[in-house]
PDB file of N, CA and C in Angstrom:
ATOM      1  N   MET A   1     -20.657  -9.881  12.892  1.00  0.00           N
ATOM      2  CA  MET A   1     -20.492  -8.613  12.469  1.00  0.00           C
ATOM      3  C   MET A   1     -19.300  -8.153  13.180  1.00  0.00           C
ATOM      4  N   PHE A   2     -18.491  -7.588  12.438  1.00  0.00           N
ATOM      5  CA  PHE A   2     -17.305  -6.517  13.090  1.00  0.00           C
ATOM      6  C   PHE A   2     -16.813  -5.471  12.639  1.00  0.00           C
ATOM      7  N   SER A   3     -16.559  -4.643  12.781  1.00  0.00           N
ATOM      8  CA  SER A   3     -16.916  -3.475  12.095  1.00  0.00           C
ATOM      9  C   SER A   3     -15.894  -1.885  12.563  1.00  0.00           C
ATOM     10  N   ILE A   4     -14.978  -1.599  11.803  1.00  0.00           N
ATOM     11  CA  ILE A   4     -14.277  -0.663  12.610  1.00  0.00           C
ATOM     12  C   ILE A   4     -15.136   0.826  11.811  1.00  0.00           C
ATOM     13  N   ASN A   5     -15.452   1.635  12.764  1.00  0.00           N
ATOM     14  CA  ASN A   5     -16.268   2.869  12.015  1.00  0.00           C
ATOM     15  C   ASN A   5     -15.307   4.113  11.763  1.00  0.00           C
ATOM     16  N   TYR A   6     -14.883   4.667  10.994  1.00  0.00           N
ATOM     17  CA  TYR A   6     -13.963   5.721  10.943  1.00  0.00           C
ATOM     18  C   TYR A   6     -15.097   7.107  11.023  1.00  0.00           C
ATOM     19  N   SER A   7     -14.356   8.364  11.457  1.00  0.00           N
ATOM     20  CA  SER A   7     -15.386   9.426  11.140  1.00  0.00           C
ATOM     21  C   SER A   7     -14.653  10.969  11.248  1.00  0.00           C
ATOM     22  N   ALA A   8     -14.974  11.714  10.776  1.00  0.00           N
ATOM     23  CA  ALA A   8     -13.864  13.110  10.527  1.00  0.00           C
ATOM     24  C   ALA A   8     -15.146  13.600  10.313  1.00  0.00           C
ATOM     25  N   ARG A   9     -14.680  15.440  11.336  1.00  0.00           N
ATOM     26  CA  ARG A   9     -15.617  16.360  10.184  1.00  0.00           C
ATOM     27  C   ARG A   9     -14.327  16.818   9.733  1.00  0.00           C
ATOM     28  N   HIS A  10     -15.223  17.549   8.461  1.00  0.00           N
ATOM     29  CA  HIS A  10     -14.672  18.272   7.236  1.00  0.00           C
ATOM     30  C   HIS A  10     -13.907  19.784   7.881  1.00  0.00           C
ATOM     31  N   LYS A  11     -13.009  20.010   7.632  1.00  0.00           N
ATOM     32  CA  LYS A  11     -12.319  21.468   7.759  1.00  0.00           C
ATOM     33  C   LYS A  11     -13.456  22.460   7.072  1.00  0.00           C
ATOM     34  N   GLU A  12     -13.155  21.890   5.575  1.00  0.00           N
ATOM     35  CA  GLU A  12     -13.369  23.048   4.541  1.00  0.00           C
ATOM     36  C   GLU A  12     -15.243  23.312   4.877  1.00  0.00           C
ATOM     37  N   CYS A  13     -16.071  22.424   5.249  1.00  0.00           N
ATOM     38  CA  CYS A  13     -17.547  22.330   4.947  1.00  0.00           C
ATOM     39  C   CYS A  13     -17.949  21.943   6.099  1.00  0.00           C
ATOM     40  N   GLY A  14     -17.566  21.630   6.589  1.00  0.00           N
ATOM     41  CA  GLY A  14     -18.237  21.041   8.569  1.00  0.00           C
ATOM     42  C   GLY A  14     -18.748  19.952   8.208  1.00  0.00           C
ATOM     43  N   GLU A  15     -18.904  19.082   7.403  1.00  0.00           N
ATOM     44  CA  GLU A  15     -19.366  17.466   7.482  1.00  0.00           C
ATOM     45  C   GLU A  15     -18.917  16.775   8.005  1.00  0.00           C
ATOM     46  N   LEU A  16     -19.797  16.076   8.744  1.00  0.00           N
ATOM     47  CA  LEU A  16     -19.484  14.670   9.240  1.00  0.00           C
ATOM     48  C   LEU A  16     -19.709  13.463   8.534  1.00  0.00           C
ATOM     49  N   THR A  17     -18.021  13.032   8.440  1.00  0.00           N
ATOM     50  CA  THR A  17     -18.466  11.664   7.513  1.00  0.00           C
ATOM     51  C   THR A  17     -18.145  10.495   8.283  1.00  0.00           C
ATOM     52  N   ILE A  18     -19.191   9.636   8.354  1.00  0.00           N
ATOM     53  CA  ILE A  18     -18.428   8.386   8.860  1.00  0.00           C
ATOM     54  C   ILE A  18     -18.335   7.259   7.338  1.00  0.00           C
ATOM     55  N   LEU A  19     -16.997   6.403   7.754  1.00  0.00           N
ATOM     56  CA  LEU A  19     -17.237   5.061   6.837  1.00  0.00           C
ATOM     57  C   LEU A  19     -16.527   3.902   7.568  1.00  0.00           C
ATOM     58  N   SER A  20     -17.145   2.703   7.376  1.00  0.00           N
ATOM     59  CA  SER A  20     -16.362   1.700   8.087  1.00  0.00           C
ATOM     60  C   SER A  20     -15.670   0.790   6.891  1.00  0.00           C
ATOM     61  N   ASP A  21     -14.693   0.223   7.529  1.00  0.00           N
ATOM     62  CA  ASP A  21     -13.434  -0.212   7.403  1.00  0.00           C
ATOM     63  C   ASP A  21     -13.583  -1.885   6.609  1.00  0.00           C
ATOM     64  N   HIS A  22     -13.662  -1.844   5.437  1.00  0.00           N
ATOM     65  CA  HIS A  22     -14.376  -3.332   4.757  1.00  0.00           C
ATOM     66  C   HIS A  22     -13.409  -4.237   4.844  1.00  0.00           C
ATOM     67  N   ARG A  23     -11.946  -3.871   5.574  1.00  0.00           N
ATOM     68  CA  ARG A  23     -10.993  -4.722   5.158  1.00  0.00           C
ATOM     69  C   ARG A  23     -10.981  -5.956   6.198  1.00  0.00           C
ATOM     70  N   PHE A  24     -12.104  -5.954   7.179  1.00  0.00           N
ATOM     71  CA  PHE A  24     -11.982  -6.469   8.779  1.00  0.00           C
ATOM     72  C   PHE A  24     -13.610  -7.044   8.820  1.00  0.00           C
ATOM     73  N   LYS A  25     -13.507  -8.323   8.484  1.00  0.00           N
ATOM     74  CA  LYS A  25     -15.045  -9.249   8.996  1.00  0.00           C
ATOM     75  C   LYS A  25     -15.183  -9.662  10.606  1.00  0.00           C
ATOM     76  N   SER A  26     -13.859  -9.737  11.468  1.00  0.00           N
ATOM     77  CA  SER A  26     -13.777 -10.723  12.435  1.00  0.00           C
ATOM     78  C   SER A  26     -12.760 -10.011  13.409  1.00  0.00           C
ATOM     79  N   ARG A  27     -12.338 -10.189  14.611  1.00  0.00           N
ATOM     80  CA  ARG A  27     -11.352  -9.929  15.354  1.00  0.00           C
ATOM     81  C   ARG A  27      -9.903 -10.658  14.632  1.00  0.00           C
ATOM     82  N   ASP A  28     -10.396 -11.895  14.128  1.00  0.00           N
ATOM     83  CA  ASP A  28      -9.136 -12.526  13.619  1.00  0.00           C
ATOM     84  C   ASP A  28      -8.169 -11.735  12.153  1.00  0.00           C
ATOM     85  N   ASP A  29      -9.313 -11.200  11.516  1.00  0.00           N
ATOM     86  CA  ASP A  29      -8.717 -10.609  10.469  1.00  0.00           C
ATOM     87  C   ASP A  29      -7.670  -9.653  10.726  1.00  0.00           C
ATOM     88  N   LEU A  30      -8.142  -8.668  12.171  1.00  0.00           N
ATOM     89  CA  LEU A  30      -6.715  -8.371  12.648  1.00  0.00           C
ATOM     90  C   LEU A  30      -5.617  -8.323  12.892  1.00  0.00           C
ATOM     91  N   LYS A  31      -5.461  -9.624  12.900  1.00  0.00           N
ATOM     92  CA  LYS A  31      -4.158 -10.457  12.981  1.00  0.00           C
ATOM     93  C   LYS A  31      -3.609 -10.656  11.723  1.00  0.00           C
ATOM     94  N   LEU A  32      -3.903 -10.339  10.793  1.00  0.00           N
ATOM     95  CA  LEU A  32      -2.978 -10.868   9.406  1.00  0.00           C
ATOM     96  C   LEU A  32      -2.534  -9.431   9.163  1.00  0.00           C
ATOM     97  N   TYR A  33      -2.974  -8.267   9.837  1.00  0.00           N
ATOM     98  CA  TYR A  33      -1.914  -7.149   9.228  1.00  0.00           C
ATOM     99  C   TYR A  33      -1.365  -6.643  10.057  1.00  0.00           C
ATOM    100  N   PRO A  34       0.382  -6.299  10.165  1.00  0.00           N
ATOM    101  CA  PRO A  34       1.578  -6.100  10.861  1.00  0.00           C
ATOM    102  C   PRO A  34       1.102  -4.726  11.948  1.00  0.00           C
ATOM    103  N   ALA A  35       0.134  -3.887  10.776  1.00  0.00           N
ATOM    104  CA  ALA A  35       0.191  -2.591  11.686  1.00  0.00           C
ATOM    105  C   ALA A  35      -1.587  -2.258  10.675  1.00  0.00           C
ATOM    106  N   ILE A  36      -2.331  -1.820  11.809  1.00  0.00           N
ATOM    107  CA  ILE A  36      -3.399  -1.278  11.812  1.00  0.00           C
ATOM    108  C   ILE A  36      -3.880   0.005  10.889  1.00  0.00           C
ATOM    109  N   THR A  37      -3.561   0.499   9.595  1.00  0.00           N
ATOM    110  CA  THR A  37      -3.864   1.867   9.607  1.00  0.00           C
ATOM    111  C   THR A  37      -4.904   2.080   8.847  1.00  0.00           C
ATOM    112  N   PRO A  38      -5.296   3.672   9.023  1.00  0.00           N
ATOM    113  CA  PRO A  38      -7.047   3.958   8.587  1.00  0.00           C
ATOM    114  C   PRO A  38      -6.488   3.851   7.144  1.00  0.00           C
ATOM    115  N   VAL A  39      -8.348   3.656   6.461  1.00  0.00           N
ATOM    116  CA  VAL A  39      -8.482   3.955   5.107  1.00  0.00           C
ATOM    117  C   VAL A  39      -8.405   5.860   4.977  1.00  0.00           C
ATOM    118  N   LYS A  40      -8.198   5.840   3.528  1.00  0.00           N
ATOM    119  CA  LYS A  40      -8.765   7.540   2.993  1.00  0.00           C
ATOM    120  C   LYS A  40      -9.846   7.947   3.322  1.00  0.00           C
ATOM    121  N   MET A  41     -10.609   8.482   3.531  1.00  0.00           N
ATOM    122  CA  MET A  41     -11.714   9.034   3.292  1.00  0.00           C
ATOM    123  C   MET A  41     -12.279  10.094   2.785  1.00  0.00           C
ATOM    124  N   HIS A  42     -13.276  10.479   1.737  1.00  0.00           N
ATOM    125  CA  HIS A  42     -13.733  11.781   1.002  1.00  0.00           C
ATOM    126  C   HIS A  42     -15.041  12.543   1.969  1.00  0.00           C
ATOM    127  N   CYS A  43     -14.880  13.758   1.895  1.00  0.00           N
ATOM    128  CA  CYS A  43     -16.443  14.184   2.552  1.00  0.00           C
ATOM    129  C   CYS A  43     -17.714  13.709   1.467  1.00  0.00           C
ATOM    130  N   ARG A  44     -18.273  13.460   2.425  1.00  0.00           N
ATOM    131  CA  ARG A  44     -19.269  13.128   1.871  1.00  0.00           C
ATOM    132  C   ARG A  44     -20.360  14.377   1.305  1.00  0.00           C
ATOM    133  N   LYS A  45     -19.978  15.571   1.362  1.00  0.00           N
ATOM    134  CA  LYS A  45     -20.874  16.790   1.118  1.00  0.00           C
ATOM    135  C   LYS A  45     -20.068  17.252  -0.203  1.00  0.00           C
ATOM    136  N   CYS A  46     -18.780  17.393   0.037  1.00  0.00           N
ATOM    137  CA  CYS A  46     -17.938  18.240  -0.981  1.00  0.00           C
ATOM    138  C   CYS A  46     -16.632  17.535  -1.784  1.00  0.00           C
ATOM    139  N   TYR A  47     -16.866  15.809  -1.546  1.00  0.00           N
ATOM    140  CA  TYR A  47     -15.898  14.975  -2.204  1.00  0.00           C
ATOM    141  C   TYR A  47     -13.850  15.122  -2.029  1.00  0.00           C
ATOM    142  N   LEU A  48     -13.994  16.172  -1.282  1.00  0.00           N
ATOM    143  CA  LEU A  48     -12.174  15.869  -0.945  1.00  0.00           C
ATOM    144  C   LEU A  48     -12.083  15.398  -0.139  1.00  0.00           C
ATOM    145  N   GLU A  49     -10.684  14.693   0.037  1.00  0.00           N
ATOM    146  CA  GLU A  49     -10.128  13.994   0.837  1.00  0.00           C
ATOM    147  C   GLU A  49      -9.975  14.084   2.065  1.00  0.00           C
ATOM    148  N   MET A  50     -10.205  13.903   3.107  1.00  0.00           N
ATOM    149  CA  MET A  50      -9.717  14.005   4.453  1.00  0.00           C
ATOM    150  C   MET A  50      -9.280  12.629   5.421  1.00  0.00           C
ATOM    151  N   GLU A  51      -8.673  13.064   6.316  1.00  0.00           N
ATOM    152  CA  GLU A  51      -7.648  11.874   7.206  1.00  0.00           C
ATOM    153  C   GLU A  51      -9.070  11.813   8.304  1.00  0.00           C
ATOM    154  N   PRO A  52      -9.203  10.694   8.135  1.00  0.00           N
ATOM    155  CA  PRO A  52     -10.104  10.040   9.715  1.00  0.00           C
ATOM    156  C   PRO A  52      -9.533  10.903  11.015  1.00  0.00           C
ATOM    157  N   THR A  53     -10.153  11.415  11.884  1.00  0.00           N
ATOM    158  CA  THR A  53     -10.023  11.685  13.002  1.00  0.00           C
ATOM    159  C   THR A  53     -10.032  10.987  14.466  1.00  0.00           C
ATOM    160  N   HIS A  54     -11.072   9.840  14.014  1.00  0.00           N
ATOM    161  CA  HIS A  54     -11.431   9.065  15.126  1.00  0.00           C
ATOM    162  C   HIS A  54     -11.855   7.843  14.763  1.00  0.00           C
ATOM    163  N   PHE A  55     -12.130   6.901  15.318  1.00  0.00           N
ATOM    164  CA  PHE A  55     -12.664   5.681  15.009  1.00  0.00           C
ATOM    165  C   PHE A  55     -13.515   4.851  16.305  1.00  0.00           C
ATOM    166  N   GLU A  56     -14.411   3.561  16.202  1.00  0.00           N
ATOM    167  CA  GLU A  56     -15.108   3.026  17.378  1.00  0.00           C
ATOM    168  C   GLU A  56     -15.073   1.574  16.552  1.00  0.00           C
ATOM    169  N   ILE A  57     -15.206   0.775  17.309  1.00  0.00           N
ATOM    170  CA  ILE A  57     -15.407  -0.877  16.563  1.00  0.00           C
ATOM    171  C   ILE A  57     -16.621  -1.063  17.320  1.00  0.00           C
ATOM    172  N   TRP A  58     -17.185  -2.162  16.121  1.00  0.00           N
ATOM    173  CA  TRP A  58     -18.735  -2.683  16.777  1.00  0.00           C
ATOM    174  C   TRP A  58     -18.578  -4.293  16.686  1.00  0.00           C
ATOM    175  N   GLU A  59     -18.909  -5.012  17.229  1.00  0.00           N
ATOM    176  CA  GLU A  59     -19.349  -6.264  17.349  1.00  0.00           C
ATOM    177  C   GLU A  59     -20.971  -6.971  17.736  1.00  0.00           C
ATOM    178  N   SER A  60     -20.913  -8.201  17.095  1.00  0.00           N
ATOM    179  CA  SER A  60     -21.946  -9.078  17.439  1.00  0.00           C
ATOM    180  C   SER A  60     -21.843  -9.568  18.723  1.00  0.00           C
ATOM    181  N   VAL A  61     -22.851  -9.662  19.746  1.00  0.00           N
ATOM    182  CA  VAL A  61     -22.814 -10.611  20.832  1.00  0.00           C
ATOM    183  C   VAL A  61     -24.467 -11.012  20.963  1.00  0.00           C
ATOM    184  N   ARG A  62     -24.409 -12.343  20.743  1.00  0.00           N
ATOM    185  CA  ARG A  62     -25.604 -13.023  21.474  1.00  0.00           C
ATOM    186  C   ARG A  62     -26.782 -12.188  20.530  1.00  0.00           C
ATOM    187  N   LEU A  63     -27.526 -11.688  20.176  1.00  0.00           N
ATOM    188  CA  LEU A  63     -28.474 -11.373  20.010  1.00  0.00           C
ATOM    189  C   LEU A  63     -28.404  -9.589  19.172  1.00  0.00           C
ATOM    190  N   GLY A  64     -27.791  -9.036  19.781  1.00  0.00           N
ATOM    191  CA  GLY A  64     -27.158  -7.640  19.381  1.00  0.00           C
ATOM    192  C   GLY A  64     -26.206  -7.338  18.536  1.00  0.00           C
ATOM    193  N   VAL A  65     -25.376  -6.129  18.463  1.00  0.00           N
ATOM    194  CA  VAL A  65     -24.744  -5.461  18.438  1.00  0.00           C
ATOM    195  C   VAL A  65     -24.467  -4.752  19.634  1.00  0.00           C
ATOM    196  N   GLU A  66     -22.909  -4.729  19.674  1.00  0.00           N
ATOM    197  CA  GLU A  66     -21.990  -3.602  20.778  1.00  0.00           C
ATOM    198  C   GLU A  66     -21.485  -3.255  20.244  1.00  0.00           C
ATOM    199  N   LYS A  67     -20.822  -1.918  20.769  1.00  0.00           N
ATOM    200  CA  LYS A  67     -19.797  -1.386  20.710  1.00  0.00           C
ATOM    201  C   LYS A  67     -18.164  -1.230  21.492  1.00  0.00           C
ATOM    202  N   ILE A  68     -17.960  -1.837  20.957  1.00  0.00           N
ATOM    203  CA  ILE A  68     -16.245  -2.886  22.410  1.00  0.00           C
ATOM    204  C   ILE A  68     -15.430  -1.680  21.970  1.00  0.00           C
ATOM    205  N   VAL A  69     -15.159  -0.669  21.514  1.00  0.00           N
ATOM    206  CA  VAL A  69     -14.281   0.462  21.526  1.00  0.00           C
ATOM    207  C   VAL A  69     -15.125   1.822  21.439  1.00  0.00           C
ATOM    208  N   ASP A  70     -15.496   2.662  22.315  1.00  0.00           N
ATOM    209  CA  ASP A  70     -16.055   4.168  22.146  1.00  0.00           C
ATOM    210  C   ASP A  70     -14.926   4.885  21.052  1.00  0.00           C
ATOM    211  N   GLU A  71     -15.915   6.131  20.762  1.00  0.00           N
ATOM    212  CA  GLU A  71     -15.017   6.397  19.855  1.00  0.00           C
ATOM    213  C   GLU A  71     -13.614   6.813  20.304  1.00  0.00           C
ATOM    214  N   THR A  72     -12.798   6.674  19.458  1.00  0.00           N
ATOM    215  CA  THR A  72     -11.206   6.987  20.785  1.00  0.00           C
ATOM    216  C   THR A  72     -10.554   7.412  19.397  1.00  0.00           C
ATOM    217  N   PRO A  73      -9.758   8.422  19.657  1.00  0.00           N
ATOM    218  CA  PRO A  73      -8.793   9.042  18.412  1.00  0.00           C
ATOM    219  C   PRO A  73      -8.085   8.540  17.942  1.00  0.00           C
ATOM    220  N   ILE A  74      -7.700   8.521  16.384  1.00  0.00           N
ATOM    221  CA  ILE A  74      -7.099   7.692  15.582  1.00  0.00           C
ATOM    222  C   ILE A  74      -5.965   7.669  15.529  1.00  0.00           C
ATOM    223  N   ASP A  75      -4.817   7.898  16.218  1.00  0.00           N
ATOM    224  CA  ASP A  75      -3.624   7.778  16.820  1.00  0.00           C
ATOM    225  C   ASP A  75      -3.506   6.168  17.375  1.00  0.00           C
ATOM    226  N   ARG A  76      -4.900   6.259  18.429  1.00  0.00           N
ATOM    227  CA  ARG A  76      -4.661   4.468  19.036  1.00  0.00           C
ATOM    228  C   ARG A  76      -5.379   3.618  17.901  1.00  0.00           C
ATOM    229  N   LEU A  77      -5.420   3.803  17.374  1.00  0.00           N
ATOM    230  CA  LEU A  77      -6.159   2.610  16.517  1.00  0.00           C
ATOM    231  C   LEU A  77      -5.611   1.241  16.689  1.00  0.00           C
ATOM    232  N   ASP A  78      -4.231   1.433  16.105  1.00  0.00           N
ATOM    233  CA  ASP A  78      -3.506  -0.028  16.067  1.00  0.00           C
ATOM    234  C   ASP A  78      -3.490  -0.549  17.410  1.00  0.00           C
ATOM    235  N   GLU A  79      -2.860   0.474  19.017  1.00  0.00           N
ATOM    236  CA  GLU A  79      -3.121  -0.414  19.895  1.00  0.00           C
ATOM    237  C   GLU A  79      -4.195  -0.514  20.616  1.00  0.00           C
ATOM    238  N   GLU A  80      -5.814  -0.175  20.365  1.00  0.00           N
ATOM    239  CA  GLU A  80      -6.476  -0.685  20.790  1.00  0.00           C
ATOM    240  C   GLU A  80      -7.186  -2.081  19.849  1.00  0.00           C
ATOM    241  N   CYS A  81      -6.667  -1.961  18.462  1.00  0.00           N
ATOM    242  CA  CYS A  81      -7.084  -3.097  17.985  1.00  0.00           C
ATOM    243  C   CYS A  81      -6.115  -4.071  18.065  1.00  0.00           C
ATOM    244  N   ARG A  82      -4.765  -4.268  18.954  1.00  0.00           N
ATOM    245  CA  ARG A  82      -3.951  -5.460  19.260  1.00  0.00           C
ATOM    246  C   ARG A  82      -4.724  -5.991  20.481  1.00  0.00           C
ATOM    247  N   LYS A  83      -5.430  -4.900  21.164  1.00  0.00           N
ATOM    248  CA  LYS A  83      -5.630  -5.482  22.603  1.00  0.00           C
ATOM    249  C   LYS A  83      -7.232  -6.439  22.462  1.00  0.00           C
ATOM    250  N   LEU A  84      -7.494  -6.441  21.121  1.00  0.00           N
ATOM    251  CA  LEU A  84      -8.683  -7.615  20.594  1.00  0.00           C
ATOM    252  C   LEU A  84      -8.609  -8.480  20.088  1.00  0.00           C
ATOM    253  N   THR A  85      -7.010  -8.358  20.022  1.00  0.00           N
ATOM    254  CA  THR A  85      -6.696 -10.181  19.352  1.00  0.00           C
ATOM    255  C   THR A  85      -5.781 -10.551  20.227  1.00  0.00           C
ATOM    256  N   LYS A  86      -6.074  -9.869  21.718  1.00  0.00           N
ATOM    257  CA  LYS A  86      -5.293 -10.748  22.930  1.00  0.00           C
ATOM    258  C   LYS A  86      -6.088 -11.201  23.808  1.00  0.00           C
ATOM    259  N   SER A  87      -7.841 -10.681  23.511  1.00  0.00           N
ATOM    260  CA  SER A  87      -8.537 -11.187  24.023  1.00  0.00           C
ATOM    261  C   SER A  87      -9.688 -12.477  23.806  1.00  0.00           C
TER     262      SER A  87
END
């Protein structure tokens, strides 16, 4: 399992929305994209479109799941993903 999760708090209604990016199933999938850009989100409460503000990355390790990139501002998404493809 490999998961990039985006989050944002909607300015209009205050709802926190978290969305998983299903384009990426492993670190190797990151190499397929010249630049990693976030997906569009819609508020869970009022359904208006909004931009993600943060992301975090989770990965399966041994018998569990581990957060390998803590909650980070969205403008560092591509930079952090590129670091993962080198390790």
